[in-house]
Amino acid sequence: MKIKEILKYNDHRPWSIPRKKWNFYQEWNNAIFLHWKVELKELSKFVPSNLQIDLFDGQPWVSLVAFTMEKIRPRNFPHFSPVSNFHEINIRTYVKSNNKTGVYFLSIEAGKKIACRIARKISKLPYRYSIINRSFNAYNSINSDFKDSLEIQYDFNQSKSEITALDLFLTERYALFHDVGNYINEFEIHHLPWPIENMELLKLHFNYQRFSKMMGKGPDKMHFSSGVKVISWNYNKY
């Protein structure tokens, strides 16, 4: 689907698409979603006080999303595979700010050093480099500086289930908020609804010590998605 067609499809959004021209195109492909119910008191330690933690039926959630970023490029420029294609892991929670619901990254990693440097410079997001490898049904990473490691083995479950309100809460997010000093940077994004599939988790080794109190047990919910084509805008600071 072409970008113009994606931009026209917006009935699923909770607010209108920005009127200004978009700035970046990217694809988030073959995404693994692992979701945990967490305690609000513990989560609050990691979220800036000027962002409101979003709740589903009174419960906060944290998600690990492991996917492959592809074809990221600025508007009017082609993508360059050595920079634009890389594996990414983010650990995120769900927040409200500026009358919008979105996500806040507790951690964000990329599998290429040059991609991390460029992303930090352009977006100000705290990308860090990790060694990340994936195969057909496995996703692995290690970060020696933070002593973080991740190993996922999974299989596809061909059965389909109805998409629930919780599924939408955990996946359909069209803003990202990040704190830089005393400011909040707000990023707007747009894509078609995530195509969600069931998956079976065969193995999970999750070693991020700072999140062990929240994510020490197995996930409460999981999804797999073939991916989405994403349009994004430069951040607004407030």
C-alpha atoms as a PDB file:
ATOM      1  CA  MET A   1       0.000   0.000   0.000  1.00  0.00           C
ATOM      2  CA  LYS A   2       1.321   3.439  -0.932  1.00  0.00           C
ATOM      3  CA  ILE A   3       1.905   6.164   1.649  1.00  0.00           C
ATOM      4  CA  LYS A   4      -0.952   8.303   0.336  1.00  0.00           C
ATOM      5  CA  GLU A   5      -3.340   5.397   0.812  1.00  0.00           C
ATOM      6  CA  ILE A   6      -2.080   4.725   4.347  1.00  0.00           C
ATOM      7  CA  LEU A   7      -2.614   8.380   5.275  1.00  0.00           C
ATOM      8  CA  LYS A   8      -6.195   8.266   3.994  1.00  0.00           C
ATOM      9  CA  TYR A   9      -7.021   5.290   6.227  1.00  0.00           C
ATOM     10  CA  ASN A  10      -7.518   6.913   9.618  1.00  0.00           C
ATOM     11  CA  ASP A  11     -10.947   5.983  11.022  1.00  0.00           C
ATOM     12  CA  HIS A  12      -9.262   3.747  13.610  1.00  0.00           C
ATOM     13  CA  ARG A  13      -7.292   6.630  15.123  1.00  0.00           C
ATOM     14  CA  PRO A  14      -8.348   8.322  18.387  1.00  0.00           C
ATOM     15  CA  TRP A  15      -7.404  11.753  16.979  1.00  0.00           C
ATOM     16  CA  SER A  16      -6.738  13.302  13.582  1.00  0.00           C
ATOM     17  CA  ILE A  17      -3.535  12.897  11.614  1.00  0.00           C
ATOM     18  CA  PRO A  18      -1.237  15.947  11.851  1.00  0.00           C
ATOM     19  CA  ARG A  19      -1.884  18.446   9.088  1.00  0.00           C
ATOM     20  CA  LYS A  20       1.793  19.154   8.485  1.00  0.00           C
ATOM     21  CA  LYS A  21       3.917  17.068   6.130  1.00  0.00           C
ATOM     22  CA  TRP A  22       5.252  13.792   7.468  1.00  0.00           C
ATOM     23  CA  ASN A  23       9.006  13.405   8.014  1.00  0.00           C
ATOM     24  CA  PHE A  24       9.920   9.703   8.075  1.00  0.00           C
ATOM     25  CA  TYR A  25       8.791   6.370   6.659  1.00  0.00           C
ATOM     26  CA  GLN A  26       9.664   3.037   8.271  1.00  0.00           C
ATOM     27  CA  GLU A  27       8.477  -0.562   8.564  1.00  0.00           C
ATOM     28  CA  TRP A  28       8.138  -2.491  11.836  1.00  0.00           C
ATOM     29  CA  ASN A  29       8.164  -6.118  10.706  1.00  0.00           C
ATOM     30  CA  ASN A  30       7.713  -9.535  12.338  1.00  0.00           C
ATOM     31  CA  ALA A  31       6.968  -8.084  15.747  1.00  0.00           C
ATOM     32  CA  ILE A  32       6.876 -10.128  18.952  1.00  0.00           C
ATOM     33  CA  PHE A  33       4.779  -8.545  21.714  1.00  0.00           C
ATOM     34  CA  LEU A  34       5.134  -9.804  25.302  1.00  0.00           C
ATOM     35  CA  HIS A  35       2.953  -8.034  27.878  1.00  0.00           C
ATOM     36  CA  TRP A  36       3.082  -7.984  31.683  1.00  0.00           C
ATOM     37  CA  LYS A  37       0.628  -6.675  34.261  1.00  0.00           C
ATOM     38  CA  VAL A  38       2.689  -4.682  36.754  1.00  0.00           C
ATOM     39  CA  GLU A  39       2.347  -2.843  40.042  1.00  0.00           C
ATOM     40  CA  LEU A  40       1.767   0.880  39.739  1.00  0.00           C
ATOM     41  CA  LYS A  41       4.124   1.689  42.608  1.00  0.00           C
ATOM     42  CA  GLU A  42       7.019  -0.133  40.974  1.00  0.00           C
ATOM     43  CA  LEU A  43       6.333   1.210  37.469  1.00  0.00           C
ATOM     44  CA  SER A  44       6.174   4.793  38.778  1.00  0.00           C
ATOM     45  CA  LYS A  45       9.895   4.583  39.600  1.00  0.00           C
ATOM     46  CA  PHE A  46      10.676   4.528  35.862  1.00  0.00           C
ATOM     47  CA  VAL A  47       8.155   7.040  34.471  1.00  0.00           C
ATOM     48  CA  PRO A  48       8.631  10.839  34.749  1.00  0.00           C
ATOM     49  CA  SER A  49       6.086  12.516  37.003  1.00  0.00           C
ATOM     50  CA  ASN A  50       4.833  14.830  34.228  1.00  0.00           C
ATOM     51  CA  LEU A  51       3.475  11.806  32.315  1.00  0.00           C
ATOM     52  CA  GLN A  52       0.326  10.048  33.536  1.00  0.00           C
ATOM     53  CA  ILE A  53       0.475   6.249  33.504  1.00  0.00           C
ATOM     54  CA  ASP A  54      -2.395   4.865  31.425  1.00  0.00           C
ATOM     55  CA  LEU A  55      -4.394   2.021  32.998  1.00  0.00           C
ATOM     56  CA  PHE A  56      -6.623  -0.713  31.630  1.00  0.00           C
ATOM     57  CA  ASP A  57      -9.339  -1.635  34.143  1.00  0.00           C
ATOM     58  CA  GLY A  58      -7.209  -0.014  36.821  1.00  0.00           C
ATOM     59  CA  GLN A  59      -4.101  -2.004  35.901  1.00  0.00           C
ATOM     60  CA  PRO A  60      -0.824  -0.714  34.378  1.00  0.00           C
ATOM     61  CA  TRP A  61       1.019  -2.775  31.769  1.00  0.00           C
ATOM     62  CA  VAL A  62       4.578  -3.035  30.480  1.00  0.00           C
ATOM     63  CA  SER A  63       5.418  -4.611  27.120  1.00  0.00           C
ATOM     64  CA  LEU A  64       8.530  -5.932  25.428  1.00  0.00           C
ATOM     65  CA  VAL A  65       8.393  -5.491  21.656  1.00  0.00           C
ATOM     66  CA  ALA A  66      11.078  -7.222  19.554  1.00  0.00           C
ATOM     67  CA  PHE A  67      10.919  -6.631  15.815  1.00  0.00           C
ATOM     68  CA  THR A  68      12.897  -5.826  12.688  1.00  0.00           C
ATOM     69  CA  MET A  69      13.049  -2.205  11.568  1.00  0.00           C
ATOM     70  CA  GLU A  70      13.270  -1.911   7.793  1.00  0.00           C
ATOM     71  CA  LYS A  71      13.371   0.778   5.112  1.00  0.00           C
ATOM     72  CA  ILE A  72      13.484   3.712   7.512  1.00  0.00           C
ATOM     73  CA  ARG A  73      14.137   6.891   5.571  1.00  0.00           C
ATOM     74  CA  PRO A  74      13.492  10.637   5.620  1.00  0.00           C
ATOM     75  CA  ARG A  75      10.811  12.080   3.376  1.00  0.00           C
ATOM     76  CA  ASN A  76      11.970  12.441  -0.260  1.00  0.00           C
ATOM     77  CA  PHE A  77      15.016  10.195   0.270  1.00  0.00           C
ATOM     78  CA  PRO A  78      15.531   6.484  -0.465  1.00  0.00           C
ATOM     79  CA  HIS A  79      16.331   4.050   2.304  1.00  0.00           C
ATOM     80  CA  PHE A  80      19.920   2.813   2.704  1.00  0.00           C
ATOM     81  CA  SER A  81      19.955  -0.760   3.997  1.00  0.00           C
ATOM     82  CA  PRO A  82      23.211  -0.617   6.047  1.00  0.00           C
ATOM     83  CA  VAL A  83      21.570   2.086   8.180  1.00  0.00           C
ATOM     84  CA  SER A  84      17.845   1.636   7.653  1.00  0.00           C
ATOM     85  CA  ASN A  85      17.491  -2.093   8.409  1.00  0.00           C
ATOM     86  CA  PHE A  86      18.177  -3.424  11.905  1.00  0.00           C
ATOM     87  CA  HIS A  87      16.656  -5.424  14.730  1.00  0.00           C
ATOM     88  CA  GLU A  88      15.149  -3.456  17.618  1.00  0.00           C
ATOM     89  CA  ILE A  89      13.946  -4.206  21.137  1.00  0.00           C
ATOM     90  CA  ASN A  90      11.952  -1.773  23.180  1.00  0.00           C
ATOM     91  CA  ILE A  91      10.442  -2.104  26.620  1.00  0.00           C
ATOM     92  CA  ARG A  92       7.561   0.295  26.983  1.00  0.00           C
ATOM     93  CA  THR A  93       4.652   1.308  29.111  1.00  0.00           C
ATOM     94  CA  TYR A  94       1.468   3.205  28.362  1.00  0.00           C
ATOM     95  CA  VAL A  95       0.968   6.845  29.258  1.00  0.00           C
ATOM     96  CA  LYS A  96      -1.208   9.900  28.739  1.00  0.00           C
ATOM     97  CA  SER A  97      -0.024  13.433  28.033  1.00  0.00           C
ATOM     98  CA  ASN A  98      -1.208  16.510  26.164  1.00  0.00           C
ATOM     99  CA  ASN A  99      -4.703  14.964  25.799  1.00  0.00           C
ATOM    100  CA  LYS A 100      -3.272  11.939  23.957  1.00  0.00           C
ATOM    101  CA  THR A 101      -2.525   8.337  24.823  1.00  0.00           C
ATOM    102  CA  GLY A 102       0.800   6.868  23.798  1.00  0.00           C
ATOM    103  CA  VAL A 103       3.857   4.932  24.885  1.00  0.00           C
ATOM    104  CA  TYR A 104       6.927   5.720  26.953  1.00  0.00           C
ATOM    105  CA  PHE A 105      10.128   3.702  26.457  1.00  0.00           C
ATOM    106  CA  LEU A 106      11.763   2.290  29.566  1.00  0.00           C
ATOM    107  CA  SER A 107      14.507   0.870  27.320  1.00  0.00           C
ATOM    108  CA  ILE A 108      15.274   0.927  23.603  1.00  0.00           C
ATOM    109  CA  GLU A 109      17.996  -1.020  21.770  1.00  0.00           C
ATOM    110  CA  ALA A 110      19.103  -1.473  18.185  1.00  0.00           C
ATOM    111  CA  GLY A 111      21.365  -4.068  16.619  1.00  0.00           C
ATOM    112  CA  LYS A 112      23.547  -1.629  14.626  1.00  0.00           C
ATOM    113  CA  LYS A 113      25.901   0.944  16.130  1.00  0.00           C
ATOM    114  CA  ILE A 114      25.525   3.439  13.297  1.00  0.00           C
ATOM    115  CA  ALA A 115      21.720   3.213  13.521  1.00  0.00           C
ATOM    116  CA  CYS A 116      21.910   3.965  17.246  1.00  0.00           C
ATOM    117  CA  ARG A 117      24.104   7.022  16.696  1.00  0.00           C
ATOM    118  CA  ILE A 118      21.882   8.446  13.964  1.00  0.00           C
ATOM    119  CA  ALA A 119      18.660   7.714  15.855  1.00  0.00           C
ATOM    120  CA  ARG A 120      19.970   9.378  19.040  1.00  0.00           C
ATOM    121  CA  LYS A 121      21.016  12.476  17.109  1.00  0.00           C
ATOM    122  CA  ILE A 122      17.782  12.871  15.123  1.00  0.00           C
ATOM    123  CA  SER A 123      15.147  11.697  17.586  1.00  0.00           C
ATOM    124  CA  LYS A 124      16.871  12.241  20.954  1.00  0.00           C
ATOM    125  CA  LEU A 125      15.591   8.805  21.967  1.00  0.00           C
ATOM    126  CA  PRO A 126      18.059   6.913  24.213  1.00  0.00           C
ATOM    127  CA  TYR A 127      18.967   4.156  21.751  1.00  0.00           C
ATOM    128  CA  ARG A 128      21.770   1.860  22.895  1.00  0.00           C
ATOM    129  CA  TYR A 129      23.598  -0.777  20.935  1.00  0.00           C
ATOM    130  CA  SER A 130      23.067  -4.462  21.670  1.00  0.00           C
ATOM    131  CA  ILE A 131      24.132  -7.550  19.775  1.00  0.00           C
ATOM    132  CA  ILE A 132      20.838  -8.847  18.370  1.00  0.00           C
ATOM    133  CA  ASN A 133      20.245 -11.934  16.261  1.00  0.00           C
ATOM    134  CA  ARG A 134      17.056 -13.494  15.015  1.00  0.00           C
ATOM    135  CA  SER A 135      16.037 -16.527  13.007  1.00  0.00           C
ATOM    136  CA  PHE A 136      12.704 -17.902  11.854  1.00  0.00           C
ATOM    137  CA  ASN A 137      11.410 -18.593  15.371  1.00  0.00           C
ATOM    138  CA  ALA A 138      14.086 -17.211  17.697  1.00  0.00           C
ATOM    139  CA  TYR A 139      15.167 -13.735  18.845  1.00  0.00           C
ATOM    140  CA  ASN A 140      18.274 -13.194  20.993  1.00  0.00           C
ATOM    141  CA  SER A 141      20.199 -10.214  22.322  1.00  0.00           C
ATOM    142  CA  ILE A 142      22.977  -9.340  24.729  1.00  0.00           C
ATOM    143  CA  ASN A 143      24.238  -6.023  26.058  1.00  0.00           C
ATOM    144  CA  SER A 144      27.522  -6.320  27.939  1.00  0.00           C
ATOM    145  CA  ASP A 145      27.462  -2.732  29.243  1.00  0.00           C
ATOM    146  CA  PHE A 146      24.093  -3.097  30.955  1.00  0.00           C
ATOM    147  CA  LYS A 147      24.443  -6.856  31.584  1.00  0.00           C
ATOM    148  CA  ASP A 148      21.110  -7.352  29.793  1.00  0.00           C
ATOM    149  CA  SER A 149      20.222 -10.468  27.826  1.00  0.00           C
ATOM    150  CA  LEU A 150      17.156 -11.811  26.078  1.00  0.00           C
ATOM    151  CA  GLU A 151      16.345 -15.150  24.482  1.00  0.00           C
ATOM    152  CA  ILE A 152      12.968 -15.868  22.904  1.00  0.00           C
ATOM    153  CA  GLN A 153      11.893 -19.024  21.114  1.00  0.00           C
ATOM    154  CA  TYR A 154       8.384 -19.078  19.738  1.00  0.00           C
ATOM    155  CA  ASP A 155       6.027 -20.791  17.362  1.00  0.00           C
ATOM    156  CA  PHE A 156       3.054 -19.587  15.372  1.00  0.00           C
ATOM    157  CA  ASN A 157      -0.428 -20.525  16.466  1.00  0.00           C
ATOM    158  CA  GLN A 158      -2.668 -20.718  13.444  1.00  0.00           C
ATOM    159  CA  SER A 159      -5.861 -20.254  15.467  1.00  0.00           C
ATOM    160  CA  LYS A 160      -7.451 -16.841  15.291  1.00  0.00           C
ATOM    161  CA  SER A 161      -9.150 -15.071  18.151  1.00  0.00           C
ATOM    162  CA  GLU A 162     -11.296 -11.996  18.353  1.00  0.00           C
ATOM    163  CA  ILE A 163      -9.345  -8.791  18.981  1.00  0.00           C
ATOM    164  CA  THR A 164     -10.257  -7.514  22.435  1.00  0.00           C
ATOM    165  CA  ALA A 165     -10.251  -4.063  23.994  1.00  0.00           C
ATOM    166  CA  LEU A 166      -7.062  -5.044  25.860  1.00  0.00           C
ATOM    167  CA  ASP A 167      -5.381  -6.047  22.593  1.00  0.00           C
ATOM    168  CA  LEU A 168      -6.131  -2.603  21.176  1.00  0.00           C
ATOM    169  CA  PHE A 169      -4.935  -0.888  24.369  1.00  0.00           C
ATOM    170  CA  LEU A 170      -1.592  -2.696  24.113  1.00  0.00           C
ATOM    171  CA  THR A 171      -0.965  -2.260  20.395  1.00  0.00           C
ATOM    172  CA  GLU A 172      -2.828   0.673  18.844  1.00  0.00           C
ATOM    173  CA  ARG A 173      -0.795   3.670  19.981  1.00  0.00           C
ATOM    174  CA  TYR A 174      -0.198   6.737  17.820  1.00  0.00           C
ATOM    175  CA  ALA A 175       2.050   8.877  20.008  1.00  0.00           C
ATOM    176  CA  LEU A 176       5.374   8.435  21.756  1.00  0.00           C
ATOM    177  CA  PHE A 177       6.508  10.563  24.683  1.00  0.00           C
ATOM    178  CA  HIS A 178      10.073  10.969  25.881  1.00  0.00           C
ATOM    179  CA  ASP A 179      11.564  13.203  28.559  1.00  0.00           C
ATOM    180  CA  VAL A 180      14.650  15.261  27.769  1.00  0.00           C
ATOM    181  CA  GLY A 181      15.707  17.391  30.709  1.00  0.00           C
ATOM    182  CA  ASN A 182      12.683  19.410  31.836  1.00  0.00           C
ATOM    183  CA  TYR A 183      10.857  18.907  28.543  1.00  0.00           C
ATOM    184  CA  ILE A 184       8.664  16.267  26.986  1.00  0.00           C
ATOM    185  CA  ASN A 185       9.177  15.397  23.323  1.00  0.00           C
ATOM    186  CA  GLU A 186       5.993  14.173  21.657  1.00  0.00           C
ATOM    187  CA  PHE A 187       6.199  12.118  18.462  1.00  0.00           C
ATOM    188  CA  GLU A 188       3.154  11.475  16.287  1.00  0.00           C
ATOM    189  CA  ILE A 189       2.963   8.296  14.202  1.00  0.00           C
ATOM    190  CA  HIS A 190       0.440   6.698  11.876  1.00  0.00           C
ATOM    191  CA  HIS A 191      -0.095   3.202  10.501  1.00  0.00           C
ATOM    192  CA  LEU A 192      -2.901   0.812   9.678  1.00  0.00           C
ATOM    193  CA  PRO A 193      -4.183  -1.363  12.557  1.00  0.00           C
ATOM    194  CA  TRP A 194      -1.682  -4.029  13.610  1.00  0.00           C
ATOM    195  CA  PRO A 195      -2.523  -7.451  12.079  1.00  0.00           C
ATOM    196  CA  ILE A 196      -2.460  -9.534  15.263  1.00  0.00           C
ATOM    197  CA  GLU A 197      -1.866 -13.284  15.399  1.00  0.00           C
ATOM    198  CA  ASN A 198      -1.632 -15.739  18.267  1.00  0.00           C
ATOM    199  CA  MET A 199       1.777 -17.148  19.145  1.00  0.00           C
ATOM    200  CA  GLU A 200       3.161 -19.830  21.428  1.00  0.00           C
ATOM    201  CA  LEU A 201       6.118 -18.995  23.650  1.00  0.00           C
ATOM    202  CA  LEU A 202       8.494 -21.975  23.750  1.00  0.00           C
ATOM    203  CA  LYS A 203      11.281 -20.346  25.755  1.00  0.00           C
ATOM    204  CA  LEU A 204      11.896 -17.001  27.427  1.00  0.00           C
ATOM    205  CA  HIS A 205      15.102 -15.919  29.123  1.00  0.00           C
ATOM    206  CA  PHE A 206      14.679 -12.295  30.194  1.00  0.00           C
ATOM    207  CA  ASN A 207      17.544 -10.819  32.215  1.00  0.00           C
ATOM    208  CA  TYR A 208      17.112  -7.076  32.734  1.00  0.00           C
ATOM    209  CA  GLN A 209      17.818  -6.761  36.434  1.00  0.00           C
ATOM    210  CA  ARG A 210      16.336  -3.284  36.869  1.00  0.00           C
ATOM    211  CA  PHE A 211      12.956  -4.570  35.644  1.00  0.00           C
ATOM    212  CA  SER A 212      13.037  -7.906  37.502  1.00  0.00           C
ATOM    213  CA  LYS A 213      10.354  -6.900  40.040  1.00  0.00           C
ATOM    214  CA  MET A 214       7.912  -6.088  37.239  1.00  0.00           C
ATOM    215  CA  MET A 215       8.823  -8.677  34.634  1.00  0.00           C
ATOM    216  CA  GLY A 216      10.351 -11.513  36.626  1.00  0.00           C
ATOM    217  CA  LYS A 217       7.643 -14.019  35.760  1.00  0.00           C
ATOM    218  CA  GLY A 218       6.265 -15.080  32.392  1.00  0.00           C
ATOM    219  CA  PRO A 219       4.200 -12.598  30.372  1.00  0.00           C
ATOM    220  CA  ASP A 220       0.449 -12.321  30.954  1.00  0.00           C
ATOM    221  CA  LYS A 221      -0.333 -11.892  27.268  1.00  0.00           C
ATOM    222  CA  MET A 222       1.468 -12.144  23.947  1.00  0.00           C
ATOM    223  CA  HIS A 223       0.975 -11.365  20.273  1.00  0.00           C
ATOM    224  CA  PHE A 224       2.787 -11.767  16.982  1.00  0.00           C
ATOM    225  CA  SER A 225       2.356  -9.465  13.996  1.00  0.00           C
ATOM    226  CA  SER A 226       3.711  -9.528  10.466  1.00  0.00           C
ATOM    227  CA  GLY A 227       4.137  -5.783  10.864  1.00  0.00           C
ATOM    228  CA  VAL A 228       3.005  -2.325   9.823  1.00  0.00           C
ATOM    229  CA  LYS A 229       4.162   0.459   7.527  1.00  0.00           C
ATOM    230  CA  VAL A 230       4.657   3.578   9.610  1.00  0.00           C
ATOM    231  CA  ILE A 231       4.647   7.294   8.858  1.00  0.00           C
ATOM    232  CA  SER A 232       6.056   9.597  11.527  1.00  0.00           C
ATOM    233  CA  TRP A 233       6.529  13.279  12.205  1.00  0.00           C
ATOM    234  CA  ASN A 234       9.287  15.254  13.916  1.00  0.00           C
ATOM    235  CA  TYR A 235       8.770  15.682  17.634  1.00  0.00           C
ATOM    236  CA  ASN A 236       7.114  18.615  19.355  1.00  0.00           C
ATOM    237  CA  LYS A 237       8.686  19.840  22.564  1.00  0.00           C
ATOM    238  CA  TYR A 238       6.648  21.158  25.492  1.00  0.00           C
END
